[in-house]
PDB file of N, CA and C in Angstrom:
ATOM      1  N   MET A   1      50.120 -40.102  27.593  1.00  0.00           N
ATOM      2  CA  MET A   1      49.697 -38.599  27.124  1.00  0.00           C
ATOM      3  C   MET A   1      49.368 -37.963  28.321  1.00  0.00           C
ATOM      4  N   CYS A   2      49.631 -36.956  28.379  1.00  0.00           N
ATOM      5  CA  CYS A   2      50.006 -35.871  29.629  1.00  0.00           C
ATOM      6  C   CYS A   2      48.292 -35.140  29.895  1.00  0.00           C
ATOM      7  N   LEU A   3      48.197 -35.320  30.928  1.00  0.00           N
ATOM      8  CA  LEU A   3      46.890 -34.256  31.020  1.00  0.00           C
ATOM      9  C   LEU A   3      46.178 -33.199  30.529  1.00  0.00           C
ATOM     10  N   LYS A   4      47.080 -32.305  30.062  1.00  0.00           N
ATOM     11  CA  LYS A   4      46.649 -31.328  29.118  1.00  0.00           C
ATOM     12  C   LYS A   4      46.463 -31.572  27.743  1.00  0.00           C
ATOM     13  N   SER A   5      47.459 -32.792  27.612  1.00  0.00           N
ATOM     14  CA  SER A   5      47.275 -33.103  25.999  1.00  0.00           C
ATOM     15  C   SER A   5      45.546 -33.726  25.818  1.00  0.00           C
ATOM     16  N   LYS A   6      45.421 -34.349  26.830  1.00  0.00           N
ATOM     17  CA  LYS A   6      44.466 -35.311  27.020  1.00  0.00           C
ATOM     18  C   LYS A   6      42.754 -33.897  26.997  1.00  0.00           C
ATOM     19  N   ARG A   7      43.115 -33.268  27.585  1.00  0.00           N
ATOM     20  CA  ARG A   7      42.353 -32.089  27.796  1.00  0.00           C
ATOM     21  C   ARG A   7      42.224 -31.168  26.712  1.00  0.00           C
ATOM     22  N   LEU A   8      42.881 -31.374  26.336  1.00  0.00           N
ATOM     23  CA  LEU A   8      42.955 -30.603  24.676  1.00  0.00           C
ATOM     24  C   LEU A   8      42.426 -31.375  23.667  1.00  0.00           C
ATOM     25  N   LEU A   9      42.521 -32.520  23.364  1.00  0.00           N
ATOM     26  CA  LEU A   9      42.044 -33.800  22.874  1.00  0.00           C
ATOM     27  C   LEU A   9      40.869 -33.774  22.823  1.00  0.00           C
ATOM     28  N   VAL A  10      40.091 -33.562  24.084  1.00  0.00           N
ATOM     29  CA  VAL A  10      38.773 -34.048  24.350  1.00  0.00           C
ATOM     30  C   VAL A  10      38.168 -32.715  23.957  1.00  0.00           C
ATOM     31  N   SER A  11      38.353 -31.478  24.283  1.00  0.00           N
ATOM     32  CA  SER A  11      37.967 -29.998  23.792  1.00  0.00           C
ATOM     33  C   SER A  11      37.798 -30.126  22.336  1.00  0.00           C
ATOM     34  N   LEU A  12      38.885 -30.478  21.548  1.00  0.00           N
ATOM     35  CA  LEU A  12      38.788 -30.326  20.384  1.00  0.00           C
ATOM     36  C   LEU A  12      37.487 -31.399  19.503  1.00  0.00           C
ATOM     37  N   MET A  13      37.689 -32.572  20.066  1.00  0.00           N
ATOM     38  CA  MET A  13      36.256 -33.243  20.185  1.00  0.00           C
ATOM     39  C   MET A  13      34.931 -33.088  20.106  1.00  0.00           C
ATOM     40  N   VAL A  14      34.821 -32.528  21.197  1.00  0.00           N
ATOM     41  CA  VAL A  14      33.778 -31.561  21.788  1.00  0.00           C
ATOM     42  C   VAL A  14      33.199 -30.253  20.645  1.00  0.00           C
ATOM     43  N   LEU A  15      34.257 -29.792  19.947  1.00  0.00           N
ATOM     44  CA  LEU A  15      34.013 -28.434  19.352  1.00  0.00           C
ATOM     45  C   LEU A  15      33.722 -29.230  17.916  1.00  0.00           C
ATOM     46  N   THR A  16      34.546 -30.007  17.671  1.00  0.00           N
ATOM     47  CA  THR A  16      33.987 -30.738  16.439  1.00  0.00           C
ATOM     48  C   THR A  16      33.061 -31.513  16.430  1.00  0.00           C
ATOM     49  N   ALA A  17      32.447 -32.153  17.344  1.00  0.00           N
ATOM     50  CA  ALA A  17      31.126 -32.708  17.134  1.00  0.00           C
ATOM     51  C   ALA A  17      29.937 -31.454  17.212  1.00  0.00           C
ATOM     52  N   LEU A  18      30.362 -30.226  17.618  1.00  0.00           N
ATOM     53  CA  LEU A  18      29.208 -29.279  18.163  1.00  0.00           C
ATOM     54  C   LEU A  18      29.218 -27.917  16.590  1.00  0.00           C
ATOM     55  N   VAL A  19      30.361 -28.392  15.833  1.00  0.00           N
ATOM     56  CA  VAL A  19      29.899 -27.489  15.329  1.00  0.00           C
ATOM     57  C   VAL A  19      28.888 -27.584  13.657  1.00  0.00           C
ATOM     58  N   PRO A  20      28.955 -28.704  13.757  1.00  0.00           N
ATOM     59  CA  PRO A  20      27.533 -29.151  12.696  1.00  0.00           C
ATOM     60  C   PRO A  20      26.217 -28.447  13.315  1.00  0.00           C
ATOM     61  N   PHE A  21      25.930 -28.725  14.623  1.00  0.00           N
ATOM     62  CA  PHE A  21      24.797 -28.032  15.358  1.00  0.00           C
ATOM     63  C   PHE A  21      24.683 -26.675  15.334  1.00  0.00           C
ATOM     64  N   ALA A  22      26.258 -25.771  15.327  1.00  0.00           N
ATOM     65  CA  ALA A  22      26.250 -24.496  15.312  1.00  0.00           C
ATOM     66  C   ALA A  22      25.552 -23.817  14.394  1.00  0.00           C
ATOM     67  N   ASN A  23      25.955 -24.768  13.455  1.00  0.00           N
ATOM     68  CA  ASN A  23      25.417 -23.975  11.924  1.00  0.00           C
ATOM     69  C   ASN A  23      24.277 -24.194  11.545  1.00  0.00           C
ATOM     70  N   GLN A  24      23.890 -25.499  12.117  1.00  0.00           N
ATOM     71  CA  GLN A  24      22.310 -25.459  11.935  1.00  0.00           C
ATOM     72  C   GLN A  24      21.461 -24.190  12.602  1.00  0.00           C
ATOM     73  N   THR A  25      22.086 -24.095  14.108  1.00  0.00           N
ATOM     74  CA  THR A  25      21.346 -23.088  14.828  1.00  0.00           C
ATOM     75  C   THR A  25      21.266 -21.750  14.240  1.00  0.00           C
ATOM     76  N   SER A  26      22.802 -21.617  13.779  1.00  0.00           N
ATOM     77  CA  SER A  26      23.049 -20.195  13.212  1.00  0.00           C
ATOM     78  C   SER A  26      21.912 -20.440  11.973  1.00  0.00           C
ATOM     79  N   SER A  27      22.064 -21.221  11.507  1.00  0.00           N
ATOM     80  CA  SER A  27      21.079 -21.285   9.554  1.00  0.00           C
ATOM     81  C   SER A  27      19.994 -20.966   9.757  1.00  0.00           C
ATOM     82  N   ALA A  28      19.349 -21.658  11.324  1.00  0.00           N
ATOM     83  CA  ALA A  28      17.604 -21.668  11.517  1.00  0.00           C
ATOM     84  C   ALA A  28      17.747 -20.349  12.316  1.00  0.00           C
ATOM     85  N   TYR A  29      18.488 -19.398  13.115  1.00  0.00           N
ATOM     86  CA  TYR A  29      18.255 -18.138  13.304  1.00  0.00           C
ATOM     87  C   TYR A  29      18.078 -17.000  12.042  1.00  0.00           C
ATOM     88  N   VAL A  30      19.199 -17.583  11.226  1.00  0.00           N
ATOM     89  CA  VAL A  30      19.337 -16.451   9.981  1.00  0.00           C
ATOM     90  C   VAL A  30      18.253 -16.824   9.127  1.00  0.00           C
ATOM     91  N   ASP A  31      17.493 -17.884   8.883  1.00  0.00           N
ATOM     92  CA  ASP A  31      16.361 -18.320   8.525  1.00  0.00           C
ATOM     93  C   ASP A  31      14.759 -17.491   8.981  1.00  0.00           C
ATOM     94  N   GLN A  32      14.637 -17.936   9.937  1.00  0.00           N
ATOM     95  CA  GLN A  32      14.125 -17.394  11.042  1.00  0.00           C
ATOM     96  C   GLN A  32      14.120 -15.550  10.820  1.00  0.00           C
ATOM     97  N   SER A  33      15.193 -14.875  11.224  1.00  0.00           N
ATOM     98  CA  SER A  33      15.717 -13.768  10.866  1.00  0.00           C
ATOM     99  C   SER A  33      15.068 -13.130   9.708  1.00  0.00           C
ATOM    100  N   VAL A  34      15.045 -14.019   8.521  1.00  0.00           N
ATOM    101  CA  VAL A  34      14.774 -13.821   7.399  1.00  0.00           C
ATOM    102  C   VAL A  34      13.288 -13.539   7.302  1.00  0.00           C
ATOM    103  N   TYR A  35      12.760 -14.851   7.857  1.00  0.00           N
ATOM    104  CA  TYR A  35      11.571 -14.633   7.799  1.00  0.00           C
ATOM    105  C   TYR A  35      10.645 -13.570   8.402  1.00  0.00           C
ATOM    106  N   ASP A  36      11.271 -13.304   9.980  1.00  0.00           N
ATOM    107  CA  ASP A  36      10.586 -12.292  10.573  1.00  0.00           C
ATOM    108  C   ASP A  36      10.993 -10.651   9.703  1.00  0.00           C
ATOM    109  N   ASN A  37      11.570 -10.594   9.095  1.00  0.00           N
ATOM    110  CA  ASN A  37      11.856  -9.367   8.495  1.00  0.00           C
ATOM    111  C   ASN A  37      10.750  -9.399   7.116  1.00  0.00           C
ATOM    112  N   LEU A  38      10.938 -10.091   6.249  1.00  0.00           N
ATOM    113  CA  LEU A  38       9.884 -10.490   5.186  1.00  0.00           C
ATOM    114  C   LEU A  38       8.214 -10.190   5.780  1.00  0.00           C
ATOM    115  N   LYS A  39       8.138 -10.630   7.120  1.00  0.00           N
ATOM    116  CA  LYS A  39       6.753 -10.725   7.452  1.00  0.00           C
ATOM    117  C   LYS A  39       6.421  -9.683   8.089  1.00  0.00           C
ATOM    118  N   LYS A  40       7.366  -8.698   8.221  1.00  0.00           N
ATOM    119  CA  LYS A  40       7.381  -7.052   8.582  1.00  0.00           C
ATOM    120  C   LYS A  40       7.279  -6.551   7.763  1.00  0.00           C
ATOM    121  N   SER A  41       8.002  -7.203   6.668  1.00  0.00           N
ATOM    122  CA  SER A  41       7.592  -6.059   5.348  1.00  0.00           C
ATOM    123  C   SER A  41       6.370  -6.100   4.718  1.00  0.00           C
ATOM    124  N   ARG A  42       5.864  -7.371   4.519  1.00  0.00           N
ATOM    125  CA  ARG A  42       4.425  -7.693   4.198  1.00  0.00           C
ATOM    126  C   ARG A  42       3.277  -6.960   5.164  1.00  0.00           C
ATOM    127  N   ASP A  43       3.618  -6.922   6.340  1.00  0.00           N
ATOM    128  CA  ASP A  43       2.435  -6.257   7.543  1.00  0.00           C
ATOM    129  C   ASP A  43       2.693  -4.727   7.034  1.00  0.00           C
ATOM    130  N   ALA A  44       3.583  -3.833   6.668  1.00  0.00           N
ATOM    131  CA  ALA A  44       3.812  -2.855   6.331  1.00  0.00           C
ATOM    132  C   ALA A  44       2.835  -2.478   4.749  1.00  0.00           C
ATOM    133  N   LEU A  45       3.422  -3.340   3.933  1.00  0.00           N
ATOM    134  CA  LEU A  45       2.894  -3.174   2.276  1.00  0.00           C
ATOM    135  C   LEU A  45       1.216  -3.534   2.863  1.00  0.00           C
ATOM    136  N   LEU A  46       0.836  -4.682   3.407  1.00  0.00           N
ATOM    137  CA  LEU A  46      -0.723  -4.405   3.502  1.00  0.00           C
ATOM    138  C   LEU A  46      -1.175  -3.339   3.837  1.00  0.00           C
ATOM    139  N   ALA A  47      -0.626  -2.991   5.097  1.00  0.00           N
ATOM    140  CA  ALA A  47      -1.024  -1.456   5.672  1.00  0.00           C
ATOM    141  C   ALA A  47      -0.830  -0.342   4.938  1.00  0.00           C
ATOM    142  N   GLN A  48      -0.276  -0.295   4.103  1.00  0.00           N
ATOM    143  CA  GLN A  48       0.137   0.841   2.794  1.00  0.00           C
ATOM    144  C   GLN A  48      -0.925   0.497   2.185  1.00  0.00           C
ATOM    145  N   GLN A  49      -1.486  -0.534   1.360  1.00  0.00           N
ATOM    146  CA  GLN A  49      -1.898  -1.424   0.595  1.00  0.00           C
ATOM    147  C   GLN A  49      -3.136  -0.320   0.909  1.00  0.00           C
ATOM    148  N   GLY A  50      -3.860  -0.836   2.460  1.00  0.00           N
ATOM    149  CA  GLY A  50      -5.363  -0.163   2.956  1.00  0.00           C
ATOM    150  C   GLY A  50      -5.017   1.018   2.756  1.00  0.00           C
ATOM    151  N   THR A  51      -4.101   1.814   3.226  1.00  0.00           N
ATOM    152  CA  THR A  51      -4.428   3.622   3.119  1.00  0.00           C
ATOM    153  C   THR A  51      -4.757   4.001   1.936  1.00  0.00           C
ATOM    154  N   LEU A  52      -3.879   2.944   1.020  1.00  0.00           N
ATOM    155  CA  LEU A  52      -3.913   3.269  -0.316  1.00  0.00           C
ATOM    156  C   LEU A  52      -5.137   3.064  -0.762  1.00  0.00           C
ATOM    157  N   GLN A  53      -5.682   1.957  -0.415  1.00  0.00           N
ATOM    158  CA  GLN A  53      -7.155   1.864  -1.049  1.00  0.00           C
ATOM    159  C   GLN A  53      -8.619   2.699  -0.402  1.00  0.00           C
ATOM    160  N   GLN A  54      -8.212   2.891   0.820  1.00  0.00           N
ATOM    161  CA  GLN A  54      -9.174   4.303   1.429  1.00  0.00           C
ATOM    162  C   GLN A  54      -9.233   5.151   0.514  1.00  0.00           C
ATOM    163  N   ALA A  55      -7.803   5.982  -0.090  1.00  0.00           N
ATOM    164  CA  ALA A  55      -7.535   7.178  -0.300  1.00  0.00           C
ATOM    165  C   ALA A  55      -8.337   7.369  -1.863  1.00  0.00           C
ATOM    166  N   TYR A  56      -8.324   5.829  -2.537  1.00  0.00           N
ATOM    167  CA  TYR A  56      -8.656   5.654  -3.650  1.00  0.00           C
ATOM    168  C   TYR A  56      -9.893   5.601  -3.381  1.00  0.00           C
ATOM    169  N   ASP A  57     -10.984   4.906  -2.773  1.00  0.00           N
ATOM    170  CA  ASP A  57     -11.939   4.920  -2.357  1.00  0.00           C
ATOM    171  C   ASP A  57     -12.608   6.691  -2.267  1.00  0.00           C
ATOM    172  N   ASP A  58     -12.228   7.126  -1.179  1.00  0.00           N
ATOM    173  CA  ASP A  58     -12.608   8.447  -0.975  1.00  0.00           C
ATOM    174  C   ASP A  58     -12.477   9.529  -2.177  1.00  0.00           C
ATOM    175  N   THR A  59     -11.554   9.150  -2.863  1.00  0.00           N
ATOM    176  CA  THR A  59     -11.208  10.149  -4.070  1.00  0.00           C
ATOM    177  C   THR A  59     -12.598   9.455  -5.341  1.00  0.00           C
ATOM    178  N   ASN A  60     -12.771   8.342  -5.376  1.00  0.00           N
ATOM    179  CA  ASN A  60     -14.046   8.212  -6.331  1.00  0.00           C
ATOM    180  C   ASN A  60     -15.400   8.754  -5.790  1.00  0.00           C
ATOM    181  N   LYS A  61     -15.407   8.978  -4.415  1.00  0.00           N
ATOM    182  CA  LYS A  61     -16.457   9.528  -3.962  1.00  0.00           C
ATOM    183  C   LYS A  61     -16.549  10.463  -4.335  1.00  0.00           C
ATOM    184  N   GLN A  62     -15.510  11.441  -3.925  1.00  0.00           N
ATOM    185  CA  GLN A  62     -14.954  12.877  -4.173  1.00  0.00           C
ATOM    186  C   GLN A  62     -15.361  13.400  -6.041  1.00  0.00           C
ATOM    187  N   ILE A  63     -15.053  12.109  -6.774  1.00  0.00           N
ATOM    188  CA  ILE A  63     -14.997  12.435  -8.421  1.00  0.00           C
ATOM    189  C   ILE A  63     -16.466  12.603  -8.645  1.00  0.00           C
ATOM    190  N   ASP A  64     -17.595  11.197  -8.253  1.00  0.00           N
ATOM    191  CA  ASP A  64     -18.955  10.939  -8.105  1.00  0.00           C
ATOM    192  C   ASP A  64     -19.521  12.103  -7.787  1.00  0.00           C
ATOM    193  N   ALA A  65     -18.906  12.689  -6.732  1.00  0.00           N
ATOM    194  CA  ALA A  65     -19.803  14.011  -6.393  1.00  0.00           C
ATOM    195  C   ALA A  65     -19.852  14.981  -7.389  1.00  0.00           C
ATOM    196  N   LEU A  66     -18.506  15.239  -7.434  1.00  0.00           N
ATOM    197  CA  LEU A  66     -18.269  15.967  -8.734  1.00  0.00           C
ATOM    198  C   LEU A  66     -19.009  16.050 -10.020  1.00  0.00           C
ATOM    199  N   GLN A  67     -18.845  14.998 -10.460  1.00  0.00           N
ATOM    200  CA  GLN A  67     -19.640  14.415 -11.695  1.00  0.00           C
ATOM    201  C   GLN A  67     -21.379  15.162 -11.726  1.00  0.00           C
ATOM    202  N   ALA A  68     -21.927  14.306 -10.746  1.00  0.00           N
ATOM    203  CA  ALA A  68     -23.334  14.626 -10.140  1.00  0.00           C
ATOM    204  C   ALA A  68     -23.235  16.528 -10.197  1.00  0.00           C
ATOM    205  N   LYS A  69     -22.447  17.308  -9.329  1.00  0.00           N
ATOM    206  CA  LYS A  69     -22.520  18.632  -9.991  1.00  0.00           C
ATOM    207  C   LYS A  69     -22.426  19.300 -10.931  1.00  0.00           C
ATOM    208  N   LEU A  70     -21.145  18.688 -11.791  1.00  0.00           N
ATOM    209  CA  LEU A  70     -21.160  19.198 -13.105  1.00  0.00           C
ATOM    210  C   LEU A  70     -22.587  18.807 -13.866  1.00  0.00           C
ATOM    211  N   GLY A  71     -23.192  17.464 -13.770  1.00  0.00           N
ATOM    212  CA  GLY A  71     -24.587  17.678 -14.296  1.00  0.00           C
ATOM    213  C   GLY A  71     -25.398  18.329 -13.896  1.00  0.00           C
ATOM    214  N   ARG A  72     -25.468  18.816 -12.607  1.00  0.00           N
ATOM    215  CA  ARG A  72     -26.522  19.995 -12.548  1.00  0.00           C
ATOM    216  C   ARG A  72     -26.243  21.303 -13.442  1.00  0.00           C
ATOM    217  N   ILE A  73     -25.008  21.577 -12.939  1.00  0.00           N
ATOM    218  CA  ILE A  73     -24.615  22.620 -13.345  1.00  0.00           C
ATOM    219  C   ILE A  73     -25.047  22.826 -14.944  1.00  0.00           C
ATOM    220  N   ASP A  74     -24.730  21.865 -15.613  1.00  0.00           N
ATOM    221  CA  ASP A  74     -24.684  21.540 -17.106  1.00  0.00           C
ATOM    222  C   ASP A  74     -26.379  21.882 -17.380  1.00  0.00           C
ATOM    223  N   ALA A  75     -27.258  20.986 -16.771  1.00  0.00           N
ATOM    224  CA  ALA A  75     -28.576  21.373 -16.804  1.00  0.00           C
ATOM    225  C   ALA A  75     -28.981  22.693 -16.538  1.00  0.00           C
ATOM    226  N   TYR A  76     -28.409  23.380 -15.446  1.00  0.00           N
ATOM    227  CA  TYR A  76     -28.862  24.997 -15.178  1.00  0.00           C
ATOM    228  C   TYR A  76     -28.482  25.737 -16.546  1.00  0.00           C
ATOM    229  N   MET A  77     -27.341  25.273 -17.099  1.00  0.00           N
ATOM    230  CA  MET A  77     -26.414  26.137 -18.333  1.00  0.00           C
ATOM    231  C   MET A  77     -27.668  25.979 -18.951  1.00  0.00           C
ATOM    232  N   LYS A  78     -28.140  24.776 -19.995  1.00  0.00           N
ATOM    233  CA  LYS A  78     -29.200  24.721 -20.753  1.00  0.00           C
ATOM    234  C   LYS A  78     -30.590  25.450 -20.711  1.00  0.00           C
ATOM    235  N   GLN A  79     -30.794  25.247 -19.347  1.00  0.00           N
ATOM    236  CA  GLN A  79     -32.060  26.109 -18.945  1.00  0.00           C
ATOM    237  C   GLN A  79     -31.752  27.627 -19.418  1.00  0.00           C
ATOM    238  N   VAL A  80     -30.757  28.313 -19.028  1.00  0.00           N
ATOM    239  CA  VAL A  80     -30.635  29.477 -18.694  1.00  0.00           C
ATOM    240  C   VAL A  80     -30.493  29.824 -20.671  1.00  0.00           C
ATOM    241  N   ARG A  81     -29.486  28.982 -21.252  1.00  0.00           N
ATOM    242  CA  ARG A  81     -29.299  29.461 -22.807  1.00  0.00           C
ATOM    243  C   ARG A  81     -30.827  29.581 -23.439  1.00  0.00           C
ATOM    244  N   SER A  82     -31.962  28.188 -23.326  1.00  0.00           N
ATOM    245  CA  SER A  82     -32.959  28.557 -23.410  1.00  0.00           C
ATOM    246  C   SER A  82     -33.822  29.438 -23.255  1.00  0.00           C
ATOM    247  N   ALA A  83     -33.626  29.799 -22.012  1.00  0.00           N
ATOM    248  CA  ALA A  83     -34.264  31.219 -21.389  1.00  0.00           C
ATOM    249  C   ALA A  83     -34.025  32.510 -22.540  1.00  0.00           C
ATOM    250  N   LEU A  84     -32.627  32.441 -22.767  1.00  0.00           N
ATOM    251  CA  LEU A  84     -32.140  33.771 -23.132  1.00  0.00           C
ATOM    252  C   LEU A  84     -32.069  33.920 -24.355  1.00  0.00           C
ATOM    253  N   LYS A  85     -32.220  32.279 -24.949  1.00  0.00           N
ATOM    254  CA  LYS A  85     -33.037  32.361 -26.168  1.00  0.00           C
ATOM    255  C   LYS A  85     -34.829  32.614 -26.502  1.00  0.00           C
ATOM    256  N   ASP A  86     -35.312  32.825 -25.622  1.00  0.00           N
ATOM    257  CA  ASP A  86     -36.831  32.849 -25.727  1.00  0.00           C
ATOM    258  C   ASP A  86     -36.789  34.414 -25.897  1.00  0.00           C
ATOM    259  N   VAL A  87     -35.979  34.813 -24.578  1.00  0.00           N
ATOM    260  CA  VAL A  87     -36.081  36.539 -24.375  1.00  0.00           C
ATOM    261  C   VAL A  87     -35.418  37.226 -25.573  1.00  0.00           C
ATOM    262  N   GLU A  88     -34.443  36.799 -26.060  1.00  0.00           N
ATOM    263  CA  GLU A  88     -33.672  37.209 -27.417  1.00  0.00           C
ATOM    264  C   GLU A  88     -34.780  37.202 -28.770  1.00  0.00           C
ATOM    265  N   ASP A  89     -35.567  36.085 -28.604  1.00  0.00           N
ATOM    266  CA  ASP A  89     -36.445  35.842 -29.607  1.00  0.00           C
ATOM    267  C   ASP A  89     -37.664  36.550 -29.394  1.00  0.00           C
ATOM    268  N   ALA A  90     -38.136  37.126 -28.193  1.00  0.00           N
ATOM    269  CA  ALA A  90     -39.206  38.085 -27.914  1.00  0.00           C
ATOM    270  C   ALA A  90     -38.413  39.434 -28.339  1.00  0.00           C
ATOM    271  N   MET A  91     -37.555  40.017 -28.136  1.00  0.00           N
ATOM    272  CA  MET A  91     -36.821  41.099 -28.006  1.00  0.00           C
ATOM    273  C   MET A  91     -37.228  41.702 -29.828  1.00  0.00           C
ATOM    274  N   ALA A  92     -36.371  40.256 -30.507  1.00  0.00           N
ATOM    275  CA  ALA A  92     -36.194  40.672 -32.277  1.00  0.00           C
ATOM    276  C   ALA A  92     -37.715  40.687 -32.384  1.00  0.00           C
ATOM    277  N   SER A  93     -38.670  40.266 -31.890  1.00  0.00           N
ATOM    278  CA  SER A  93     -40.718  40.000 -32.501  1.00  0.00           C
ATOM    279  C   SER A  93     -40.472  41.593 -32.067  1.00  0.00           C
ATOM    280  N   ALA A  94     -40.314  42.289 -30.499  1.00  0.00           N
ATOM    281  CA  ALA A  94     -40.984  43.165 -30.309  1.00  0.00           C
ATOM    282  C   ALA A  94     -40.408  44.482 -31.423  1.00  0.00           C
ATOM    283  N   ASN A  95     -39.276  44.431 -31.914  1.00  0.00           N
ATOM    284  CA  ASN A  95     -38.819  45.075 -32.670  1.00  0.00           C
ATOM    285  C   ASN A  95     -39.309  45.394 -33.908  1.00  0.00           C
ATOM    286  N   ARG A  96     -39.732  44.465 -34.407  1.00  0.00           N
ATOM    287  CA  ARG A  96     -40.025  44.434 -35.994  1.00  0.00           C
ATOM    288  C   ARG A  96     -41.286  45.542 -36.249  1.00  0.00           C
TER     289      ARG A  96
END
């Protein structure tokens, strides 16, 4: 065998031996890349969940405050209706 043939044969043997490792390295890189992307997605979703939870809590506080205000207004309306009825009853009695 000539020197070129021996070099070619050795090169092919080395490449053949390295192919399985290259696939594993590539697979490991892809697996890590996929994992990293999934982790970034998870982190973004957790941040979005926190933001939405805060908005939910703030809205519930606003609703509670509005319900309390509505309760006060309803109580005032009852007082006004009662006072109006008393005045109208007194007016009716004065006209007799």
